[in-house]
Amino acid sequence: MPNDISYTPEEVAKILKISKFTVYELIKRGELTAYHIGRKVRVEGADLENYIQKAKSVDTPFAAAPTSASGNQGNPQAVAEEGLVICGQDMILDILTRHLEKQFPHIRFLRQYIGSIDGLTALYRGLANVVTAHLWDSDTDEYNIPYVRRMLPGHSATIINLIYRFEGFYVAKGNPKGIFFWEDLVRPNVHFINRERGSGARVLLDEKLRVLNINHTSIQGYTEEEMSHVAVASKVARGEADVGLGIEKAALQVNNLDFIPLQKERYDLVVRQEDLKKPHFQALLSILNSTAFRNEVLGIGGYDISQMGQVIATV
């Protein structure tokens, strides 16, 4: 890319194929150099190229956004060997990480905000210790177990429930276009906004389209992607799309939006079975079953914690 031009955060987001909210977060953390002209933010081409090269130098499927709840940053592989790398995008994981940091102030905890497929890949490659998944398999009508079996060949893993939550459509207040069913996405007057490949929401959509024999090319906006539930909800609320798919909690955080529930999903933690006896993993299980953590999650709203901390399967 030319180094003698500057980019807006929106242009950077398109180049990196991430949301503009992620771009602003990278700038805020100092990972991407930017400057202001009045109220406008600009990124020089040379600085963007430098960021991309640094990201490529870290051999991970999620090198673009290393983040920690406590501000720790670094190579995920090094942290995974010495501490804990926790992958997933739900805010509950930030709360969980904070509780762990209180018990183990000298252990490094790194949060990675990536989707379910990339999380399981990182676990298999030894780049993560605790990952989350909400991957629906249409052949078995089961969450996560089939994917863990396929993506961690030769490695035993334990699946532990975190919460249940609803996936559904984000639509404008009052649902003016009457969008209620998967089949409504192919209507010519409906513009959809999608999630990135590898996210649980994207997998759910693609599996539903397969079952219903709907060709994704018939959906306007199928190729337009955002990197988080909130980013999708925000785009619908601003009128830039008619409908998006995500979790109920994000709909509660965005104004001028209605939520159409479609499917209750199981959101699980996945860890290597060999790690479960280690002190910080035992502490994690203890936190999941603690009154303090459960009350904090209940206080957020929008989650079912009835099976929190229960082992779903060992595969």
Protein backbone atom coordinates (compact mmCIF):
# COMPACT_ATOMS: atom_id res chain seq x y z
CA MET A 1 0.00 0.00 0.00
CA PRO A 2 1.24 3.58 -0.63
CA ASN A 3 3.10 4.99 2.35
CA ASP A 4 2.60 8.64 1.44
CA ILE A 5 -1.16 8.74 2.03
CA SER A 6 -3.29 8.64 5.17
CA TYR A 7 -6.40 6.63 5.99
CA THR A 8 -9.51 7.18 8.06
CA PRO A 9 -10.36 4.55 10.72
CA GLU A 10 -13.16 3.35 8.43
CA GLU A 11 -10.70 2.84 5.56
CA VAL A 12 -8.28 1.03 7.87
CA ALA A 13 -11.12 -1.24 9.00
CA LYS A 14 -11.86 -2.19 5.37
CA ILE A 15 -8.21 -2.88 4.63
CA LEU A 16 -7.75 -5.07 7.73
CA LYS A 17 -11.26 -6.58 7.42
CA ILE A 18 -12.12 -5.68 11.01
CA SER A 19 -14.68 -3.33 12.53
CA LYS A 20 -13.91 0.37 12.95
CA PHE A 21 -14.49 -0.11 16.68
CA THR A 22 -11.53 -2.53 16.73
CA VAL A 23 -9.44 0.07 14.86
CA TYR A 24 -10.21 2.70 17.50
CA GLU A 25 -9.32 0.19 20.22
CA LEU A 26 -5.97 -0.53 18.54
CA ILE A 27 -5.27 3.20 18.39
CA LYS A 28 -6.31 3.66 22.02
CA ARG A 29 -3.94 0.88 23.14
CA GLY A 30 -1.09 2.39 21.15
CA GLU A 31 -0.73 -0.64 18.86
CA LEU A 32 -1.62 1.41 15.79
CA THR A 33 -0.12 4.90 15.47
CA ALA A 34 -2.57 7.66 14.55
CA TYR A 35 -2.85 11.43 14.70
CA HIS A 36 -5.62 14.02 14.88
CA ILE A 37 -6.51 16.84 12.51
CA GLY A 38 -9.09 18.72 14.53
CA ARG A 39 -11.61 16.05 15.44
CA LYS A 40 -10.61 13.76 12.59
CA VAL A 41 -8.37 10.74 13.13
CA ARG A 42 -5.88 9.69 10.46
CA VAL A 43 -3.44 6.78 10.10
CA GLU A 44 -0.40 7.20 7.87
CA GLY A 45 0.15 4.51 5.23
CA ALA A 46 3.61 3.79 6.64
CA ASP A 47 2.23 3.29 10.16
CA LEU A 48 -0.48 0.95 8.88
CA GLU A 49 2.09 -1.05 6.92
CA ASN A 50 4.30 -1.23 10.03
CA TYR A 51 1.37 -2.54 12.10
CA ILE A 52 0.56 -5.20 9.50
CA GLN A 53 4.17 -6.39 9.37
CA LYS A 54 4.33 -6.63 13.17
CA ALA A 55 1.08 -8.61 13.20
CA LYS A 56 2.45 -11.02 10.59
CA SER A 57 5.57 -11.61 12.68
CA VAL A 58 3.48 -13.28 15.41
CA ASP A 59 2.62 -16.76 14.16
CA THR A 60 -0.98 -16.94 15.35
CA PRO A 61 -4.39 -16.97 13.64
CA PHE A 62 -5.36 -13.90 15.68
CA ALA A 63 -2.22 -11.77 15.70
CA ALA A 64 -4.10 -8.56 14.97
CA ALA A 65 -5.47 -7.93 18.44
CA PRO A 66 -3.59 -9.21 21.49
CA THR A 67 -5.42 -7.84 24.52
CA SER A 68 -5.55 -8.50 28.24
CA ALA A 69 -8.17 -7.57 30.80
CA SER A 70 -5.35 -6.21 32.94
CA GLY A 71 -3.43 -4.56 30.11
CA ASN A 72 -0.91 -7.41 29.66
CA GLN A 73 0.25 -7.85 26.09
CA GLY A 74 2.69 -10.19 24.44
CA ASN A 75 3.23 -13.32 22.44
CA PRO A 76 0.30 -15.68 23.11
CA GLN A 77 2.54 -18.74 22.88
CA ALA A 78 4.81 -17.43 25.63
CA VAL A 79 1.86 -16.54 27.83
CA ALA A 80 0.19 -19.91 27.18
CA GLU A 81 3.33 -21.65 28.47
CA GLU A 82 3.68 -19.49 31.59
CA GLY A 83 0.14 -18.30 32.36
CA LEU A 84 -3.27 -18.41 30.72
CA VAL A 85 -4.52 -17.25 27.34
CA ILE A 86 -8.31 -17.00 27.43
CA CYS A 87 -10.07 -16.73 24.06
CA GLY A 88 -13.59 -15.49 23.39
CA GLN A 89 -15.60 -12.33 22.87
CA ASP A 90 -18.27 -12.32 25.58
CA MET A 91 -17.84 -9.77 28.37
CA ILE A 92 -18.26 -12.55 30.94
CA LEU A 93 -14.72 -13.66 30.10
CA ASP A 94 -13.39 -10.26 31.16
CA ILE A 95 -15.10 -10.74 34.52
CA LEU A 96 -13.71 -14.28 34.80
CA THR A 97 -10.20 -13.04 34.00
CA ARG A 98 -10.46 -10.33 36.65
CA HIS A 99 -11.44 -12.89 39.30
CA LEU A 100 -8.47 -15.08 38.29
CA GLU A 101 -6.07 -12.14 38.47
CA LYS A 102 -7.15 -11.46 42.06
CA GLN A 103 -6.24 -15.01 43.07
CA PHE A 104 -3.03 -15.22 41.01
CA PRO A 105 -1.53 -11.72 40.80
CA HIS A 106 1.83 -13.05 39.59
CA ILE A 107 0.44 -15.10 36.67
CA ARG A 108 0.01 -13.48 33.27
CA PHE A 109 -3.50 -13.62 31.86
CA LEU A 110 -3.99 -12.67 28.21
CA ARG A 111 -7.44 -12.11 26.70
CA GLN A 112 -7.90 -12.77 23.00
CA TYR A 113 -11.11 -11.49 21.40
CA ILE A 114 -11.53 -14.07 18.66
CA GLY A 115 -14.29 -16.37 17.39
CA SER A 116 -14.97 -19.99 18.19
CA ILE A 117 -13.18 -21.62 15.24
CA ASP A 118 -10.01 -19.54 15.70
CA GLY A 119 -10.14 -20.25 19.45
CA LEU A 120 -10.22 -24.02 18.97
CA THR A 121 -7.41 -23.73 16.41
CA ALA A 122 -5.34 -21.80 18.95
CA LEU A 123 -6.01 -24.44 21.61
CA TYR A 124 -4.88 -27.19 19.24
CA ARG A 125 -1.71 -25.29 18.36
CA GLY A 126 -0.82 -24.62 21.99
CA LEU A 127 -1.43 -20.88 21.65
CA ALA A 128 -4.32 -20.78 24.13
CA ASN A 129 -5.31 -22.50 27.37
CA VAL A 130 -9.03 -21.71 27.72
CA VAL A 131 -11.28 -21.06 24.73
CA THR A 132 -14.99 -20.57 24.28
CA ALA A 133 -17.27 -22.06 21.65
CA HIS A 134 -20.88 -21.75 20.54
CA LEU A 135 -20.80 -23.86 17.39
CA TRP A 136 -24.03 -25.53 16.30
CA ASP A 137 -23.80 -28.76 14.29
CA SER A 138 -26.87 -29.30 12.10
CA ASP A 139 -26.27 -33.04 11.66
CA THR A 140 -26.51 -33.77 15.39
CA ASP A 141 -28.38 -30.66 16.65
CA GLU A 142 -25.56 -30.43 19.19
CA TYR A 143 -23.34 -27.59 20.30
CA ASN A 144 -19.52 -27.70 20.34
CA ILE A 145 -18.84 -31.42 20.96
CA PRO A 146 -18.66 -32.39 17.25
CA TYR A 147 -16.34 -29.46 16.51
CA VAL A 148 -14.03 -30.15 19.46
CA ARG A 149 -13.70 -33.78 18.35
CA ARG A 150 -12.80 -32.77 14.80
CA MET A 151 -10.54 -29.82 15.58
CA LEU A 152 -8.48 -31.35 18.41
CA PRO A 153 -7.49 -34.70 16.88
CA GLY A 154 -5.55 -36.88 19.29
CA HIS A 155 -6.05 -34.49 22.22
CA SER A 156 -8.52 -34.99 25.04
CA ALA A 157 -10.46 -31.88 25.98
CA THR A 158 -13.06 -31.07 28.62
CA ILE A 159 -16.09 -28.95 27.73
CA ILE A 160 -17.51 -26.92 30.62
CA ASN A 161 -20.66 -24.84 30.39
CA LEU A 162 -20.36 -21.12 30.98
CA ILE A 163 -23.83 -19.83 30.12
CA TYR A 164 -26.80 -20.28 27.82
CA ARG A 165 -27.93 -17.31 25.74
CA PHE A 166 -30.18 -16.53 22.78
CA GLU A 167 -29.02 -15.92 19.21
CA GLY A 168 -31.40 -14.01 17.01
CA PHE A 169 -31.98 -11.18 14.59
CA TYR A 170 -31.24 -7.54 15.28
CA VAL A 171 -33.86 -5.41 13.54
CA ALA A 172 -34.86 -1.74 13.66
CA LYS A 173 -37.23 -0.68 16.44
CA GLY A 174 -40.72 -1.97 15.65
CA ASN A 175 -39.34 -4.41 13.07
CA PRO A 176 -40.71 -2.36 10.14
CA LYS A 177 -39.84 -4.98 7.52
CA GLY A 178 -41.36 -7.88 9.47
CA ILE A 179 -38.22 -10.02 9.63
CA PHE A 180 -38.85 -13.11 11.75
CA PHE A 181 -37.48 -16.20 9.98
CA TRP A 182 -34.29 -17.33 8.22
CA GLU A 183 -36.19 -17.40 4.94
CA ASP A 184 -36.85 -13.65 5.27
CA LEU A 185 -33.17 -12.96 4.59
CA VAL A 186 -33.60 -13.65 0.86
CA ARG A 187 -36.34 -11.06 0.36
CA PRO A 188 -35.26 -8.40 -2.18
CA ASN A 189 -36.02 -5.52 0.22
CA VAL A 190 -33.88 -6.95 3.06
CA HIS A 191 -30.21 -6.02 3.51
CA PHE A 192 -28.22 -8.27 5.86
CA ILE A 193 -24.98 -7.65 7.77
CA ASN A 194 -22.91 -10.76 8.50
CA ARG A 195 -20.28 -11.86 11.04
CA GLU A 196 -16.75 -12.93 10.12
CA ARG A 197 -15.92 -16.50 9.13
CA GLY A 198 -15.18 -18.69 12.14
CA SER A 199 -17.51 -16.92 14.55
CA GLY A 200 -20.28 -18.95 16.18
CA ALA A 201 -22.95 -16.68 14.70
CA ARG A 202 -21.56 -17.19 11.19
CA VAL A 203 -21.48 -20.96 11.67
CA LEU A 204 -25.09 -20.94 12.89
CA LEU A 205 -26.20 -18.92 9.87
CA ASP A 206 -24.37 -21.10 7.36
CA GLU A 207 -25.65 -24.31 8.95
CA LYS A 208 -29.23 -23.01 8.90
CA LEU A 209 -28.89 -21.98 5.24
CA ARG A 210 -27.61 -25.47 4.40
CA VAL A 211 -30.50 -27.19 6.19
CA LEU A 212 -33.06 -24.90 4.49
CA ASN A 213 -31.32 -25.24 1.11
CA ILE A 214 -30.87 -21.48 0.82
CA ASN A 215 -28.02 -20.26 -1.38
CA HIS A 216 -26.07 -17.57 0.42
CA THR A 217 -25.67 -15.64 -2.84
CA SER A 218 -29.39 -14.82 -2.67
CA ILE A 219 -28.86 -12.80 0.54
CA GLN A 220 -28.06 -9.12 0.04
CA GLY A 221 -25.13 -8.20 2.29
CA TYR A 222 -23.96 -11.75 3.01
CA THR A 223 -20.36 -10.79 2.16
CA GLU A 224 -20.43 -7.67 4.38
CA GLU A 225 -18.86 -8.55 7.74
CA GLU A 226 -18.43 -7.08 11.19
CA MET A 227 -16.20 -8.50 13.93
CA SER A 228 -18.51 -8.39 16.96
CA HIS A 229 -22.14 -8.68 18.03
CA VAL A 230 -22.22 -5.02 19.11
CA ALA A 231 -20.79 -3.86 15.77
CA VAL A 232 -23.52 -5.76 13.90
CA ALA A 233 -26.24 -4.42 16.20
CA SER A 234 -24.92 -0.88 15.85
CA LYS A 235 -24.97 -1.05 12.06
CA VAL A 236 -28.61 -2.15 12.09
CA ALA A 237 -29.51 0.57 14.61
CA ARG A 238 -27.91 3.21 12.34
CA GLY A 239 -30.00 2.01 9.39
CA GLU A 240 -27.00 0.75 7.41
CA ALA A 241 -28.53 -2.74 7.32
CA ASP A 242 -32.01 -4.12 7.92
CA VAL A 243 -31.01 -7.18 9.90
CA GLY A 244 -28.02 -8.86 11.52
CA LEU A 245 -27.46 -11.97 13.62
CA GLY A 246 -26.10 -11.94 17.18
CA ILE A 247 -26.75 -12.47 20.87
CA GLU A 248 -29.52 -10.88 22.89
CA LYS A 249 -27.13 -9.13 25.29
CA ALA A 250 -25.72 -6.92 22.53
CA ALA A 251 -29.24 -5.83 21.55
CA LEU A 252 -29.76 -4.59 25.11
CA GLN A 253 -26.67 -2.38 24.77
CA VAL A 254 -27.75 -0.59 21.60
CA ASN A 255 -30.62 1.90 21.27
CA ASN A 256 -33.36 1.83 18.62
CA LEU A 257 -33.15 -1.91 18.18
CA ASP A 258 -35.42 -4.92 18.60
CA PHE A 259 -34.28 -8.52 19.07
CA ILE A 260 -36.01 -11.51 17.44
CA PRO A 261 -34.92 -14.70 19.31
CA LEU A 262 -34.24 -17.67 17.06
CA GLN A 263 -32.19 -20.23 18.97
CA LYS A 264 -30.98 -20.83 22.50
CA GLU A 265 -27.31 -21.66 22.36
CA ARG A 266 -24.85 -23.23 24.76
CA TYR A 267 -21.73 -21.15 25.33
CA ASP A 268 -18.98 -23.41 26.67
CA LEU A 269 -15.39 -23.26 27.86
CA VAL A 270 -12.99 -25.78 26.30
CA VAL A 271 -9.72 -26.76 28.00
CA ARG A 272 -7.20 -29.53 27.49
CA GLN A 273 -7.95 -32.36 29.91
CA GLU A 274 -4.31 -32.55 30.99
CA ASP A 275 -4.50 -28.97 32.28
CA LEU A 276 -7.47 -29.43 34.61
CA LYS A 277 -5.39 -30.48 37.62
CA LYS A 278 -3.24 -27.34 37.51
CA PRO A 279 -3.93 -24.80 40.28
CA HIS A 280 -5.18 -21.95 38.11
CA PHE A 281 -7.55 -24.26 36.22
CA GLN A 282 -8.94 -25.56 39.51
CA ALA A 283 -9.34 -21.92 40.55
CA LEU A 284 -11.24 -21.24 37.34
CA LEU A 285 -13.70 -24.04 38.12
CA SER A 286 -14.05 -22.76 41.67
CA ILE A 287 -14.83 -19.25 40.39
CA LEU A 288 -17.51 -20.56 38.03
CA ASN A 289 -19.24 -22.17 40.99
CA SER A 290 -18.79 -19.24 43.37
CA THR A 291 -21.69 -17.09 44.52
CA ALA A 292 -19.77 -13.88 43.85
CA PHE A 293 -19.10 -14.67 40.19
CA ARG A 294 -22.60 -16.01 39.55
CA ASN A 295 -24.21 -12.95 41.11
CA GLU A 296 -22.04 -10.66 39.02
CA VAL A 297 -23.10 -12.45 35.82
CA LEU A 298 -26.75 -12.45 36.86
CA GLY A 299 -26.52 -8.73 37.50
CA ILE A 300 -25.55 -8.15 33.87
CA GLY A 301 -28.75 -9.79 32.64
CA GLY A 302 -29.49 -11.72 29.46
CA TYR A 303 -27.81 -14.99 30.50
CA ASP A 304 -28.94 -18.39 31.79
CA ILE A 305 -26.40 -19.67 34.36
CA SER A 306 -28.32 -22.81 35.39
CA GLN A 307 -25.51 -25.14 34.23
CA MET A 308 -22.55 -22.83 34.79
CA GLY A 309 -19.47 -24.83 35.82
CA GLN A 310 -20.93 -28.21 34.87
CA VAL A 311 -18.82 -30.55 32.74
CA ILE A 312 -20.74 -31.15 29.52
CA ALA A 313 -18.38 -33.73 28.02
CA THR A 314 -14.81 -34.99 27.86
CA VAL A 315 -13.83 -35.83 24.30
